[in-house]
Amino acid sequence: MDDAAFLERKFELDGGGLLVRFYTPFKAPGGEFQCQYSVGWPEQEVRRYACGLDGVQALMLAMRTVHTELVESDAYKGGRLTWCGQADLDLPPTWGGGSLYDAPPPPDGDAPTGPA
């Protein structure tokens, strides 16, 4: 992994900071795109990655995964982890849901018919 993050966010944690970094997505040997990220917890830095069909999806999934990891942490649940003094961490928890991912309606000729 290239150690130069292309974006990062510093959260407030217990009077200090918690740095989250996202690295440039790249195409892995298997053909999927990977977006590596790190979360700098005081105890240790955690590094992982998310995969997607392209770099944008890999980044979105990495951000969504980080959001989930943070809000499920004891620090967040205890009110000790914030961003800009707010509980809203301003990361995408719901990207990947909605009409883009719902099955499209059937063509007009295939619409179900019922009593008129």
N, C-alpha and C. Protein backbone atom coordinates (compact mmCIF):
# COMPACT_ATOMS: atom_id res chain seq x y z
N MET A 1 0.86 -1.18 0.00
CA MET A 1 0.00 0.00 0.00
C MET A 1 0.89 1.23 0.00
N ASP A 2 0.56 2.18 -0.84
CA ASP A 2 1.25 3.46 -0.86
C ASP A 2 0.89 4.18 0.45
N ASP A 3 1.89 4.67 1.18
CA ASP A 3 1.63 5.30 2.47
C ASP A 3 1.08 6.71 2.37
N ALA A 4 0.90 7.23 1.17
CA ALA A 4 0.34 8.56 1.00
C ALA A 4 -1.17 8.46 0.82
N ALA A 5 -1.90 8.85 1.86
CA ALA A 5 -3.36 8.85 1.77
C ALA A 5 -3.79 9.97 0.84
N PHE A 6 -4.87 9.72 0.08
CA PHE A 6 -5.34 10.79 -0.79
C PHE A 6 -6.43 11.60 -0.11
N LEU A 7 -6.97 11.12 0.99
CA LEU A 7 -7.84 11.93 1.83
C LEU A 7 -7.88 11.36 3.22
N GLU A 8 -8.17 12.22 4.17
CA GLU A 8 -8.22 11.80 5.57
C GLU A 8 -9.18 12.70 6.34
N ARG A 9 -9.61 12.20 7.48
CA ARG A 9 -10.46 12.97 8.38
C ARG A 9 -9.99 12.72 9.79
N LYS A 10 -9.94 13.81 10.56
CA LYS A 10 -9.55 13.70 11.96
C LYS A 10 -10.79 13.89 12.83
N PHE A 11 -11.12 12.87 13.58
CA PHE A 11 -12.25 12.90 14.51
C PHE A 11 -11.72 13.27 15.89
N GLU A 12 -12.62 13.73 16.78
CA GLU A 12 -12.24 14.00 18.16
C GLU A 12 -12.48 12.73 18.98
N LEU A 13 -11.50 12.39 19.80
CA LEU A 13 -11.60 11.21 20.66
C LEU A 13 -10.89 11.50 21.98
N ASP A 14 -11.65 11.55 23.05
CA ASP A 14 -11.10 11.71 24.40
C ASP A 14 -10.14 12.89 24.51
N GLY A 15 -10.48 14.03 23.91
CA GLY A 15 -9.65 15.22 23.99
C GLY A 15 -8.49 15.23 23.00
N GLY A 16 -8.33 14.16 22.24
CA GLY A 16 -7.29 14.09 21.22
C GLY A 16 -7.93 13.86 19.87
N GLY A 17 -7.20 13.20 19.00
CA GLY A 17 -7.71 12.95 17.66
C GLY A 17 -7.67 11.49 17.28
N LEU A 18 -8.51 11.14 16.35
CA LEU A 18 -8.54 9.82 15.73
C LEU A 18 -8.48 10.05 14.23
N LEU A 19 -7.37 9.67 13.62
CA LEU A 19 -7.16 9.94 12.20
C LEU A 19 -7.58 8.73 11.37
N VAL A 20 -8.46 8.99 10.39
CA VAL A 20 -8.89 7.97 9.44
C VAL A 20 -8.36 8.38 8.08
N ARG A 21 -7.71 7.44 7.40
CA ARG A 21 -7.13 7.73 6.08
C ARG A 21 -7.69 6.77 5.04
N PHE A 22 -7.91 7.30 3.84
CA PHE A 22 -8.34 6.50 2.70
C PHE A 22 -7.26 6.64 1.63
N TYR A 23 -6.90 5.51 1.03
CA TYR A 23 -5.83 5.48 0.04
C TYR A 23 -6.43 5.33 -1.36
N THR A 24 -5.68 5.71 -2.36
CA THR A 24 -6.17 5.68 -3.73
C THR A 24 -6.59 4.27 -4.13
N PRO A 25 -7.83 4.10 -4.60
CA PRO A 25 -8.26 2.78 -5.08
C PRO A 25 -7.39 2.33 -6.26
N PHE A 26 -7.19 1.03 -6.35
CA PHE A 26 -6.38 0.47 -7.44
C PHE A 26 -7.00 -0.86 -7.87
N LYS A 27 -6.67 -1.24 -9.10
CA LYS A 27 -7.17 -2.50 -9.64
C LYS A 27 -6.26 -3.63 -9.15
N ALA A 28 -6.84 -4.58 -8.44
CA ALA A 28 -6.10 -5.70 -7.87
C ALA A 28 -5.89 -6.78 -8.94
N PRO A 29 -4.95 -7.70 -8.71
CA PRO A 29 -4.68 -8.75 -9.69
C PRO A 29 -5.91 -9.58 -10.08
N GLY A 30 -6.88 -9.70 -9.17
CA GLY A 30 -8.09 -10.46 -9.47
C GLY A 30 -9.10 -9.71 -10.31
N GLY A 31 -8.83 -8.43 -10.60
CA GLY A 31 -9.73 -7.63 -11.44
C GLY A 31 -10.62 -6.69 -10.66
N GLU A 32 -10.80 -6.93 -9.36
CA GLU A 32 -11.61 -6.03 -8.55
C GLU A 32 -10.78 -4.81 -8.17
N PHE A 33 -11.45 -3.75 -7.77
CA PHE A 33 -10.76 -2.56 -7.28
C PHE A 33 -10.75 -2.61 -5.76
N GLN A 34 -9.65 -2.21 -5.17
CA GLN A 34 -9.51 -2.17 -3.72
C GLN A 34 -9.25 -0.74 -3.27
N CYS A 35 -9.88 -0.38 -2.16
CA CYS A 35 -9.59 0.90 -1.52
C CYS A 35 -9.17 0.57 -0.09
N GLN A 36 -7.91 0.80 0.19
CA GLN A 36 -7.38 0.53 1.53
C GLN A 36 -7.63 1.74 2.41
N TYR A 37 -7.80 1.48 3.70
CA TYR A 37 -8.03 2.56 4.66
C TYR A 37 -7.38 2.19 5.98
N SER A 38 -7.18 3.19 6.81
CA SER A 38 -6.63 2.95 8.14
C SER A 38 -7.38 3.80 9.16
N VAL A 39 -7.52 3.25 10.34
CA VAL A 39 -8.14 3.94 11.47
C VAL A 39 -7.11 3.95 12.59
N GLY A 40 -6.68 5.13 13.00
CA GLY A 40 -5.61 5.27 13.98
C GLY A 40 -6.08 5.29 15.41
N TRP A 41 -6.61 4.17 15.90
CA TRP A 41 -7.03 4.06 17.30
C TRP A 41 -5.83 4.27 18.21
N PRO A 42 -6.04 4.80 19.41
CA PRO A 42 -4.91 5.01 20.33
C PRO A 42 -4.13 3.72 20.64
N GLU A 43 -4.83 2.60 20.70
CA GLU A 43 -4.19 1.33 21.02
C GLU A 43 -3.38 0.78 19.85
N GLN A 44 -3.90 0.98 18.64
CA GLN A 44 -3.23 0.48 17.44
C GLN A 44 -3.90 1.02 16.19
N GLU A 45 -3.14 1.08 15.12
CA GLU A 45 -3.71 1.45 13.83
C GLU A 45 -4.27 0.20 13.17
N VAL A 46 -5.49 0.30 12.70
CA VAL A 46 -6.14 -0.82 12.01
C VAL A 46 -6.17 -0.50 10.53
N ARG A 47 -5.65 -1.42 9.71
CA ARG A 47 -5.64 -1.25 8.24
C ARG A 47 -6.44 -2.37 7.61
N ARG A 48 -7.33 -1.97 6.72
CA ARG A 48 -8.18 -2.93 6.00
C ARG A 48 -8.43 -2.37 4.60
N TYR A 49 -9.28 -3.07 3.85
CA TYR A 49 -9.66 -2.56 2.53
C TYR A 49 -11.06 -3.03 2.19
N ALA A 50 -11.65 -2.33 1.23
CA ALA A 50 -12.96 -2.69 0.68
C ALA A 50 -12.78 -2.87 -0.82
N CYS A 51 -13.59 -3.74 -1.40
CA CYS A 51 -13.51 -4.03 -2.84
C CYS A 51 -14.77 -3.54 -3.54
N GLY A 52 -14.61 -3.15 -4.80
CA GLY A 52 -15.73 -2.72 -5.61
C GLY A 52 -15.49 -3.04 -7.08
N LEU A 53 -16.52 -2.80 -7.88
CA LEU A 53 -16.42 -3.04 -9.32
C LEU A 53 -15.56 -1.99 -10.00
N ASP A 54 -15.47 -0.80 -9.40
CA ASP A 54 -14.59 0.25 -9.90
C ASP A 54 -14.07 1.01 -8.68
N GLY A 55 -13.20 1.99 -8.94
CA GLY A 55 -12.60 2.73 -7.84
C GLY A 55 -13.58 3.51 -7.01
N VAL A 56 -14.60 4.08 -7.66
CA VAL A 56 -15.60 4.86 -6.93
C VAL A 56 -16.35 3.97 -5.95
N GLN A 57 -16.80 2.81 -6.42
CA GLN A 57 -17.53 1.91 -5.54
C GLN A 57 -16.64 1.41 -4.40
N ALA A 58 -15.38 1.12 -4.68
CA ALA A 58 -14.46 0.67 -3.64
C ALA A 58 -14.29 1.75 -2.57
N LEU A 59 -14.14 3.01 -2.98
CA LEU A 59 -14.03 4.11 -2.02
C LEU A 59 -15.30 4.27 -1.21
N MET A 60 -16.45 4.24 -1.87
CA MET A 60 -17.73 4.38 -1.16
C MET A 60 -17.89 3.27 -0.12
N LEU A 61 -17.55 2.05 -0.50
CA LEU A 61 -17.69 0.94 0.43
C LEU A 61 -16.69 1.03 1.58
N ALA A 62 -15.50 1.53 1.31
CA ALA A 62 -14.52 1.73 2.37
C ALA A 62 -15.04 2.78 3.37
N MET A 63 -15.59 3.87 2.86
CA MET A 63 -16.12 4.92 3.74
C MET A 63 -17.31 4.40 4.55
N ARG A 64 -18.14 3.63 3.92
CA ARG A 64 -19.30 3.06 4.60
C ARG A 64 -18.87 2.08 5.69
N THR A 65 -17.84 1.28 5.40
CA THR A 65 -17.33 0.32 6.38
C THR A 65 -16.72 1.05 7.57
N VAL A 66 -15.95 2.10 7.30
CA VAL A 66 -15.37 2.88 8.39
C VAL A 66 -16.48 3.47 9.25
N HIS A 67 -17.52 4.01 8.62
CA HIS A 67 -18.64 4.57 9.39
C HIS A 67 -19.20 3.51 10.34
N THR A 68 -19.45 2.33 9.83
CA THR A 68 -20.01 1.26 10.65
C THR A 68 -19.06 0.90 11.80
N GLU A 69 -17.77 0.75 11.49
CA GLU A 69 -16.80 0.41 12.54
C GLU A 69 -16.77 1.48 13.63
N LEU A 70 -16.83 2.75 13.23
CA LEU A 70 -16.77 3.82 14.22
C LEU A 70 -18.02 3.87 15.09
N VAL A 71 -19.20 3.80 14.47
CA VAL A 71 -20.43 3.93 15.27
C VAL A 71 -20.68 2.69 16.13
N GLU A 72 -20.04 1.57 15.81
CA GLU A 72 -20.17 0.38 16.65
C GLU A 72 -19.11 0.32 17.74
N SER A 73 -18.21 1.29 17.77
CA SER A 73 -17.14 1.29 18.78
C SER A 73 -17.67 1.73 20.14
N ASP A 74 -17.01 1.27 21.19
CA ASP A 74 -17.36 1.70 22.55
C ASP A 74 -17.17 3.21 22.70
N ALA A 75 -16.14 3.77 22.04
CA ALA A 75 -15.88 5.20 22.14
C ALA A 75 -17.06 6.01 21.60
N TYR A 76 -17.62 5.59 20.46
CA TYR A 76 -18.75 6.31 19.88
C TYR A 76 -20.00 6.12 20.75
N LYS A 77 -20.24 4.88 21.13
CA LYS A 77 -21.43 4.59 21.95
C LYS A 77 -21.38 5.32 23.29
N GLY A 78 -20.16 5.58 23.78
CA GLY A 78 -20.00 6.31 25.04
C GLY A 78 -19.97 7.82 24.87
N GLY A 79 -20.15 8.31 23.62
CA GLY A 79 -20.18 9.73 23.37
C GLY A 79 -18.80 10.38 23.35
N ARG A 80 -17.75 9.59 23.27
CA ARG A 80 -16.39 10.11 23.31
C ARG A 80 -15.79 10.32 21.93
N LEU A 81 -16.46 9.87 20.88
CA LEU A 81 -15.98 9.99 19.50
C LEU A 81 -16.95 10.88 18.74
N THR A 82 -16.45 12.01 18.24
CA THR A 82 -17.29 12.98 17.54
C THR A 82 -16.53 13.55 16.34
N TRP A 83 -17.23 14.33 15.54
CA TRP A 83 -16.61 15.09 14.46
C TRP A 83 -17.19 16.49 14.50
N CYS A 84 -16.34 17.48 14.58
CA CYS A 84 -16.77 18.88 14.70
C CYS A 84 -17.73 19.06 15.88
N GLY A 85 -17.47 18.32 16.97
CA GLY A 85 -18.30 18.42 18.16
C GLY A 85 -19.67 17.79 18.04
N GLN A 86 -19.91 17.06 16.96
CA GLN A 86 -21.23 16.47 16.70
C GLN A 86 -21.15 14.94 16.70
N ALA A 87 -22.24 14.29 17.03
CA ALA A 87 -22.30 12.83 16.96
C ALA A 87 -22.35 12.35 15.51
N ASP A 88 -22.86 13.19 14.59
CA ASP A 88 -22.92 12.83 13.18
C ASP A 88 -21.49 12.84 12.62
N LEU A 89 -20.98 11.68 12.25
CA LEU A 89 -19.60 11.56 11.77
C LEU A 89 -19.46 11.97 10.30
N ASP A 90 -20.56 12.28 9.64
CA ASP A 90 -20.58 12.75 8.26
C ASP A 90 -19.83 11.83 7.30
N LEU A 91 -20.09 10.55 7.46
CA LEU A 91 -19.61 9.54 6.52
C LEU A 91 -20.84 8.83 5.95
N PRO A 92 -20.73 8.25 4.76
CA PRO A 92 -21.92 7.67 4.11
C PRO A 92 -22.36 6.33 4.68
N PRO A 93 -23.36 6.33 5.56
CA PRO A 93 -23.84 5.06 6.09
C PRO A 93 -24.82 4.34 5.16
N THR A 94 -25.43 5.05 4.24
CA THR A 94 -26.50 4.43 3.45
C THR A 94 -26.24 4.43 1.96
N TRP A 95 -25.04 4.78 1.52
CA TRP A 95 -24.77 4.69 0.09
C TRP A 95 -24.92 3.25 -0.34
N GLY A 96 -25.47 3.02 -1.49
CA GLY A 96 -25.68 1.66 -1.97
C GLY A 96 -27.11 1.21 -1.74
N GLY A 97 -27.94 2.07 -1.21
CA GLY A 97 -29.35 1.77 -1.03
C GLY A 97 -30.16 2.75 -1.85
N GLY A 98 -31.36 2.41 -2.14
CA GLY A 98 -32.21 3.34 -2.87
C GLY A 98 -32.53 2.87 -4.27
N SER A 99 -33.12 3.75 -5.04
CA SER A 99 -33.70 3.38 -6.33
C SER A 99 -32.65 2.85 -7.32
N LEU A 100 -31.40 3.30 -7.23
CA LEU A 100 -30.38 2.81 -8.15
C LEU A 100 -30.18 1.30 -7.98
N TYR A 101 -30.39 0.80 -6.78
CA TYR A 101 -30.13 -0.60 -6.49
C TYR A 101 -31.40 -1.45 -6.44
N ASP A 102 -32.55 -0.83 -6.63
CA ASP A 102 -33.81 -1.58 -6.67
C ASP A 102 -34.01 -2.14 -8.07
N ALA A 103 -34.71 -3.26 -8.15
CA ALA A 103 -35.02 -3.84 -9.45
C ALA A 103 -35.93 -2.87 -10.22
N PRO A 104 -35.66 -2.69 -11.50
CA PRO A 104 -36.52 -1.79 -12.28
C PRO A 104 -37.91 -2.39 -12.46
N PRO A 105 -38.90 -1.54 -12.70
CA PRO A 105 -40.24 -2.06 -12.93
C PRO A 105 -40.26 -2.84 -14.25
N PRO A 106 -41.18 -3.77 -14.38
CA PRO A 106 -41.27 -4.54 -15.63
C PRO A 106 -41.69 -3.62 -16.78
N PRO A 107 -41.32 -3.96 -18.02
CA PRO A 107 -41.78 -3.18 -19.18
C PRO A 107 -43.30 -3.14 -19.21
N ASP A 108 -43.85 -2.11 -19.86
CA ASP A 108 -45.30 -1.93 -19.90
C ASP A 108 -46.05 -3.18 -20.34
N GLY A 109 -45.53 -3.89 -21.31
CA GLY A 109 -46.23 -5.07 -21.82
C GLY A 109 -46.25 -6.21 -20.82
N ASP A 110 -45.37 -6.16 -19.82
CA ASP A 110 -45.30 -7.23 -18.83
C ASP A 110 -45.92 -6.85 -17.51
N ALA A 111 -46.59 -5.68 -17.48
CA ALA A 111 -47.18 -5.23 -16.22
C ALA A 111 -48.27 -6.21 -15.79
N PRO A 112 -48.32 -6.49 -14.51
CA PRO A 112 -49.37 -7.39 -14.02
C PRO A 112 -50.75 -6.81 -14.30
N THR A 113 -51.66 -7.68 -14.62
CA THR A 113 -53.02 -7.24 -14.88
C THR A 113 -53.91 -7.77 -13.78
N GLY A 114 -54.88 -7.03 -13.46
CA GLY A 114 -55.83 -7.45 -12.43
C GLY A 114 -57.21 -7.02 -12.82
N PRO A 115 -58.16 -7.22 -11.95
CA PRO A 115 -59.54 -6.80 -12.26
C PRO A 115 -59.58 -5.30 -12.49
N ALA A 116 -60.30 -4.90 -13.49
CA ALA A 116 -60.42 -3.48 -13.81
C ALA A 116 -61.61 -2.86 -13.18
